[in-house]
Amino acid sequence: MSCTILITGSNGLLGQKLVHLLKEKYNVIATSLGSCLISNQSGFIYQSLDITNEYDIGKIFNMYRPKYVINTAAMTNVDACEDYKDLCDDINVKAVGYISKECEKYNSHLIHISTDFIFDGKNGPYVEDDDANPLSYYGLSKWKSEQVLLKSNCKWAILRTIILYGTAENLERNNIVLWARKALKDGQELNIIDDQFRSPTLAEDLAKACYLVIEKEAIGVYNTSGKDIMSIYEMVERMADFYQCDKSKINRISSTTLNQKAKRPPKTGFILDKSIKELGYKPHSFEEGLNLLEKQLN
C-alpha cells in the first residue's frame, strides 16, 4: 500500500497540480473548502475541510493518518490581509498550529508553503537564512507561520516561493501571468510597475519541489521559486515577445502610483543553490514555463 498524503487547499493552483502529480504514486487525500473543483476525480479521495476548524482537522487526521501533509491553503490576497487581519491570522497562522499539532500526534511530515514577502526587499535575492522583515500583514502572517513550525516538534519543511503562475480548473483567483496574457492578446493598454523585482514560479515546479521533499524526506527551509529575477515590467515585456504582441501598449509606471493598501518589497528573488543541491530542484526558465502553459491552455 502506498503511503497517504494529505493536501490542504487542493482547489487552488498548486493544490490541483499536486493532486495530479501525486495521485499516480501515492494515496492522496485532497481537501479544500466546499466541493472539489477538479473534474476528473478518479485516483484520489476528496474531503471538504475548513483548516481554521481545529476539530475538523483532528477528524481528518484520525481518519486517514497521513504520512505526509502538504499545506497549500492560505489567504494570499495581500491587500485583503490588511483589511481582515483576524481572518488572515486564522488561516495563515492558527491553522498551521492545528495542523502541526496533528502532525506531531501522528508522526506526519509537514510541507508548508511560505513566501518572499517575509523579506523587506532591500537586499534581494535572498538565501534561506537571511533575516526576515515583512512589510505587510500578509508577509507577517507567513513569517509567524514559519515560527509556529520552528517551535513545533513535528517533522517539517518550509518551501518559500514567489509569484506562482499557471493554469488549473475553476480558479477563484487569477494570477498575473494569465491576466497579462489575456490583456496582451486582446491588445489592451497595460500599465505595469517597473520598480518591483520578482522570480515568477511555474506551479508545476513548486509541485515538483514538494514531491522532491517527500522523496528525500527533507527537513528545513528551502527557496523554491523560478530562476529568472526580473521587474514586473520586464516580465510582461518578455511575455509580449513570447506571444508576439505589441510592446508599445505596455506603459512603465511606478508602484507609488497604485495606492495599494499593503507595502510590497521592492526586490526579492531567491538564491536556489540549497534546493538545487539538496533536493535536485530544477526550475524552468520563464519562457519554458510560458511554453508549457500555452500547451495546457490549447
Protein backbone atom coordinates (compact mmCIF):
# COMPACT_ATOMS: atom_id res chain seq x y z
CA MET A 1 0.00 0.00 0.00
CA SER A 2 1.45 3.38 -0.97
CA CYS A 3 1.70 5.98 1.76
CA THR A 4 -1.00 8.58 2.36
CA ILE A 5 -0.51 12.26 1.53
CA LEU A 6 -2.97 14.88 2.77
CA ILE A 7 -3.17 18.08 0.71
CA THR A 8 -4.87 21.21 2.04
CA GLY A 9 -6.09 23.87 -0.40
CA SER A 10 -6.45 21.27 -3.17
CA ASN A 11 -8.81 23.52 -5.18
CA GLY A 12 -6.07 26.13 -5.64
CA LEU A 13 -3.48 26.30 -8.41
CA LEU A 14 -0.70 24.49 -6.53
CA GLY A 15 -3.18 22.12 -4.85
CA GLN A 16 -4.55 20.92 -8.18
CA LYS A 17 -1.05 20.42 -9.62
CA LEU A 18 -0.11 18.35 -6.56
CA VAL A 19 -3.20 16.13 -6.82
CA HIS A 20 -2.42 15.34 -10.49
CA LEU A 21 1.29 14.80 -9.80
CA LEU A 22 0.99 12.64 -6.67
CA LYS A 23 -2.12 10.52 -7.24
CA GLU A 24 -0.27 8.14 -9.60
CA LYS A 25 2.15 7.10 -6.89
CA TYR A 26 0.53 7.84 -3.53
CA ASN A 27 -2.77 7.54 -1.72
CA VAL A 28 -3.90 11.20 -1.99
CA ILE A 29 -6.47 12.84 0.30
CA ALA A 30 -7.36 16.20 -1.25
CA THR A 31 -9.04 18.77 0.99
CA SER A 32 -10.37 22.27 0.38
CA LEU A 33 -13.32 24.47 1.29
CA GLY A 34 -16.57 23.44 -0.41
CA SER A 35 -16.80 20.95 -3.24
CA CYS A 36 -13.95 19.60 -5.37
CA LEU A 37 -13.12 21.75 -8.42
CA ILE A 38 -11.13 19.04 -10.23
CA SER A 39 -13.39 17.49 -12.87
CA ASN A 40 -11.65 14.11 -13.14
CA GLN A 41 -11.98 12.83 -9.59
CA SER A 42 -10.52 9.38 -10.12
CA GLY A 43 -7.42 8.26 -8.28
CA PHE A 44 -7.81 10.36 -5.13
CA ILE A 45 -10.22 10.97 -2.24
CA TYR A 46 -11.75 14.41 -1.72
CA GLN A 47 -12.92 15.77 1.64
CA SER A 48 -14.26 19.26 2.32
CA LEU A 49 -12.16 20.87 5.07
CA ASP A 50 -12.02 24.24 6.78
CA ILE A 51 -8.47 24.43 8.13
CA THR A 52 -9.49 27.08 10.68
CA ASN A 53 -11.64 24.42 12.43
CA GLU A 54 -9.37 22.55 14.84
CA TYR A 55 -11.92 19.79 15.44
CA ASP A 56 -12.32 19.08 11.71
CA ILE A 57 -8.56 18.90 11.22
CA GLY A 58 -8.33 16.37 14.07
CA LYS A 59 -11.10 14.30 12.48
CA ILE A 60 -9.38 14.18 9.07
CA PHE A 61 -6.04 13.16 10.61
CA ASN A 62 -7.69 10.48 12.73
CA MET A 63 -9.49 9.10 9.67
CA TYR A 64 -6.53 8.99 7.26
CA ARG A 65 -3.36 9.15 9.41
CA PRO A 66 -1.28 10.73 6.63
CA LYS A 67 2.45 10.13 6.42
CA TYR A 68 2.89 13.49 4.66
CA VAL A 69 0.87 16.69 4.75
CA ILE A 70 1.27 19.48 2.19
CA ASN A 71 -0.28 22.73 3.40
CA THR A 72 -1.01 24.90 0.37
CA ALA A 73 -4.08 26.58 1.91
CA ALA A 74 -3.54 30.25 2.70
CA MET A 75 -5.03 33.71 2.48
CA THR A 76 -2.80 35.22 -0.21
CA ASN A 77 -4.60 38.41 -1.24
CA VAL A 78 -2.00 40.82 0.14
CA ASP A 79 -4.28 43.87 0.38
CA ALA A 80 -7.23 41.91 1.81
CA CYS A 81 -4.92 40.67 4.59
CA GLU A 82 -4.52 44.32 5.71
CA ASP A 83 -8.31 44.67 5.93
CA TYR A 84 -9.08 41.30 7.51
CA LYS A 85 -6.20 40.68 9.89
CA ASP A 86 -8.08 38.27 12.16
CA LEU A 87 -9.14 36.10 9.24
CA CYS A 88 -5.59 36.26 7.86
CA ASP A 89 -4.23 35.06 11.24
CA ASP A 90 -6.84 32.29 11.48
CA ILE A 91 -5.93 30.87 8.06
CA ASN A 92 -2.21 31.62 7.81
CA VAL A 93 -1.08 31.18 11.42
CA LYS A 94 -3.54 29.44 13.78
CA ALA A 95 -4.43 26.75 11.24
CA VAL A 96 -0.73 25.92 10.84
CA GLY A 97 -0.63 25.42 14.61
CA TYR A 98 -3.58 22.99 14.43
CA ILE A 99 -2.02 21.08 11.54
CA SER A 100 1.43 20.88 13.14
CA LYS A 101 -0.08 19.53 16.40
CA GLU A 102 -1.81 16.73 14.49
CA CYS A 103 1.41 16.06 12.55
CA GLU A 104 3.18 15.61 15.90
CA LYS A 105 0.47 13.25 17.10
CA TYR A 106 0.54 11.03 14.00
CA ASN A 107 4.24 11.47 13.17
CA SER A 108 3.36 13.10 9.84
CA HIS A 109 5.92 15.09 7.85
CA LEU A 110 4.54 18.59 7.13
CA ILE A 111 5.45 20.53 4.00
CA HIS A 112 4.38 24.15 4.35
CA ILE A 113 4.39 26.85 1.65
CA SER A 114 5.77 30.29 2.52
CA THR A 115 6.67 33.43 0.59
CA ASP A 116 9.27 36.02 -0.42
CA PHE A 117 7.03 38.62 1.29
CA ILE A 118 8.62 37.75 4.65
CA PHE A 119 11.52 39.95 3.43
CA ASP A 120 11.61 43.74 3.07
CA GLY A 121 13.16 43.61 -0.42
CA LYS A 122 16.15 45.82 0.37
CA ASN A 123 18.78 43.13 -0.19
CA GLY A 124 17.34 40.60 -2.63
CA PRO A 125 17.96 37.99 -3.88
CA TYR A 126 17.79 36.07 -0.61
CA VAL A 127 19.22 32.87 0.83
CA GLU A 128 17.25 30.73 3.29
CA ASP A 129 18.76 32.12 6.49
CA ASP A 130 18.59 35.83 5.67
CA ASP A 131 16.74 37.90 8.26
CA ALA A 132 13.03 38.36 7.72
CA ASN A 133 11.45 41.81 7.95
CA PRO A 134 7.93 41.69 6.49
CA LEU A 135 6.41 44.96 5.24
CA SER A 136 2.80 43.72 5.00
CA TYR A 137 0.39 41.87 7.28
CA TYR A 138 0.34 39.01 4.77
CA GLY A 139 4.15 38.76 4.97
CA LEU A 140 4.00 38.93 8.76
CA SER A 141 1.38 36.17 8.93
CA LYS A 142 3.52 33.86 6.79
CA TRP A 143 6.58 34.67 8.90
CA LYS A 144 4.54 33.84 12.03
CA SER A 145 3.52 30.53 10.41
CA GLU A 146 7.19 29.67 9.95
CA GLN A 147 7.78 30.47 13.64
CA VAL A 148 4.96 28.09 14.60
CA LEU A 149 6.85 25.28 12.87
CA LEU A 150 10.22 26.26 14.35
CA LYS A 151 8.66 25.82 17.80
CA SER A 152 6.78 22.62 16.98
CA ASN A 153 8.02 19.06 17.42
CA CYS A 154 6.78 17.75 14.11
CA LYS A 155 8.97 16.99 11.10
CA TRP A 156 8.65 19.90 8.69
CA ALA A 157 9.95 21.51 5.53
CA ILE A 158 9.14 25.08 4.54
CA LEU A 159 9.16 25.87 0.82
CA ARG A 160 9.33 29.60 0.13
CA THR A 161 8.13 30.72 -3.28
CA ILE A 162 7.48 33.85 -5.39
CA ILE A 163 4.60 34.81 -7.75
CA LEU A 164 3.05 31.45 -8.58
CA TYR A 165 1.64 31.18 -12.10
CA GLY A 166 -0.01 28.54 -14.26
CA THR A 167 -3.46 27.29 -15.13
CA ALA A 168 -5.92 24.95 -13.40
CA GLU A 169 -9.66 24.35 -13.32
CA ASN A 170 -12.17 26.89 -11.96
CA LEU A 171 -9.56 29.03 -10.22
CA GLU A 172 -11.06 31.59 -7.86
CA ARG A 173 -8.08 33.90 -8.21
CA ASN A 174 -6.36 34.91 -11.42
CA ASN A 175 -2.56 35.10 -11.48
CA ILE A 176 -0.57 37.91 -13.07
CA VAL A 177 0.67 35.79 -15.97
CA LEU A 178 -2.84 34.68 -17.03
CA TRP A 179 -4.08 38.24 -16.64
CA ALA A 180 -1.23 39.77 -18.69
CA ARG A 181 -1.53 37.06 -21.36
CA LYS A 182 -5.19 37.90 -21.95
CA ALA A 183 -4.60 41.67 -21.92
CA LEU A 184 -1.67 41.39 -24.37
CA LYS A 185 -3.60 39.14 -26.74
CA ASP A 186 -6.61 41.47 -26.58
CA GLY A 187 -4.33 44.40 -27.50
CA GLN A 188 -5.14 46.33 -24.33
CA GLU A 189 -3.04 49.16 -22.89
CA LEU A 190 -1.19 47.87 -19.82
CA ASN A 191 0.24 49.99 -17.01
CA ILE A 192 2.96 47.86 -15.43
CA ILE A 193 5.23 48.67 -12.49
CA ASP A 194 8.96 48.71 -13.20
CA ASP A 195 10.26 49.13 -9.63
CA GLN A 196 9.48 45.71 -8.14
CA PHE A 197 11.60 42.66 -8.97
CA ARG A 198 10.47 39.04 -8.59
CA SER A 199 11.13 35.48 -9.78
CA PRO A 200 7.87 34.12 -11.21
CA THR A 201 7.39 30.45 -10.32
CA LEU A 202 5.69 27.87 -12.51
CA ALA A 203 3.14 25.93 -10.42
CA GLU A 204 4.50 22.61 -11.78
CA ASP A 205 7.97 23.50 -10.47
CA LEU A 206 6.68 24.14 -6.95
CA ALA A 207 4.62 20.93 -7.03
CA LYS A 208 7.75 19.03 -8.10
CA ALA A 209 9.68 20.63 -5.20
CA CYS A 210 7.04 19.27 -2.77
CA TYR A 211 7.45 15.84 -4.37
CA LEU A 212 11.26 16.04 -4.01
CA VAL A 213 10.90 16.87 -0.29
CA ILE A 214 8.80 13.72 0.14
CA GLU A 215 11.18 11.54 -1.85
CA LYS A 216 14.21 12.79 0.09
CA GLU A 217 12.46 13.12 3.48
CA ALA A 218 13.94 16.62 3.54
CA ILE A 219 13.68 18.83 6.61
CA GLY A 220 14.33 22.57 6.87
CA VAL A 221 13.76 25.74 4.84
CA TYR A 222 14.13 25.75 1.05
CA ASN A 223 13.87 28.50 -1.56
CA THR A 224 11.76 27.15 -4.43
CA SER A 225 10.97 29.85 -6.98
CA GLY A 226 11.61 30.42 -10.66
CA LYS A 227 15.25 31.05 -11.55
CA ASP A 228 14.89 34.31 -13.51
CA ILE A 229 14.77 37.56 -11.50
CA MET A 230 13.08 40.42 -13.38
CA SER A 231 10.99 43.51 -12.85
CA ILE A 232 7.24 43.07 -13.29
CA TYR A 233 7.58 45.33 -16.34
CA GLU A 234 10.27 43.08 -17.84
CA MET A 235 8.12 40.04 -17.11
CA VAL A 236 5.24 41.46 -19.16
CA GLU A 237 7.69 42.59 -21.87
CA ARG A 238 9.08 39.06 -22.10
CA MET A 239 5.53 37.77 -22.36
CA ALA A 240 4.84 40.20 -25.22
CA ASP A 241 7.94 38.87 -27.02
CA PHE A 242 6.87 35.28 -26.39
CA TYR A 243 3.31 35.83 -27.66
CA GLN A 244 4.48 38.22 -30.43
CA CYS A 245 2.26 41.02 -29.13
CA ASP A 246 2.65 44.78 -29.44
CA LYS A 247 5.09 46.01 -26.77
CA SER A 248 4.20 49.66 -27.36
CA LYS A 249 0.98 49.09 -25.39
CA ILE A 250 2.96 48.36 -22.21
CA ASN A 251 3.46 51.52 -20.15
CA ARG A 252 6.03 51.76 -17.35
CA ILE A 253 4.63 53.08 -14.08
CA SER A 254 5.91 53.42 -10.52
CA SER A 255 4.33 51.31 -7.77
CA THR A 256 3.78 54.54 -5.80
CA THR A 257 1.01 55.48 -8.25
CA LEU A 258 -1.02 52.35 -7.42
CA ASN A 259 -2.07 53.37 -3.92
CA GLN A 260 -2.01 49.76 -2.72
CA LYS A 261 -3.06 49.13 0.86
CA ALA A 262 -0.16 46.78 1.65
CA LYS A 263 3.50 47.62 1.16
CA ARG A 264 5.41 45.33 -1.20
CA PRO A 265 9.14 44.55 -1.07
CA PRO A 266 10.99 46.29 -3.95
CA LYS A 267 13.36 43.46 -4.88
CA THR A 268 13.13 39.85 -3.77
CA GLY A 269 14.21 36.82 -5.80
CA PHE A 270 15.88 33.77 -4.28
CA ILE A 271 19.26 32.10 -4.45
CA LEU A 272 18.30 28.49 -5.18
CA ASP A 273 21.64 26.74 -4.53
CA LYS A 274 20.41 24.82 -1.47
CA SER A 275 17.29 23.45 -3.21
CA ILE A 276 19.26 22.54 -6.32
CA LYS A 277 21.94 20.76 -4.29
CA GLU A 278 19.87 19.07 -1.58
CA LEU A 279 16.58 18.41 -3.39
CA GLY A 280 17.67 18.24 -7.03
CA TYR A 281 15.29 21.13 -7.78
CA LYS A 282 15.36 22.17 -11.46
CA PRO A 283 13.03 25.08 -12.22
CA HIS A 284 12.07 26.00 -15.78
CA SER A 285 13.15 29.30 -17.30
CA PHE A 286 10.32 31.84 -17.62
CA GLU A 287 9.96 31.21 -21.37
CA GLU A 288 9.93 27.42 -20.84
CA GLY A 289 7.17 27.94 -18.29
CA LEU A 290 5.15 30.05 -20.74
CA ASN A 291 5.61 27.35 -23.36
CA LEU A 292 4.22 24.68 -21.02
CA LEU A 293 1.34 26.98 -20.01
CA GLU A 294 0.47 27.58 -23.66
CA LYS A 295 0.29 23.83 -24.38
CA GLN A 296 -2.09 23.39 -21.43
CA LEU A 297 -4.31 26.30 -22.46
CA ASN A 298 -4.55 24.95 -26.01
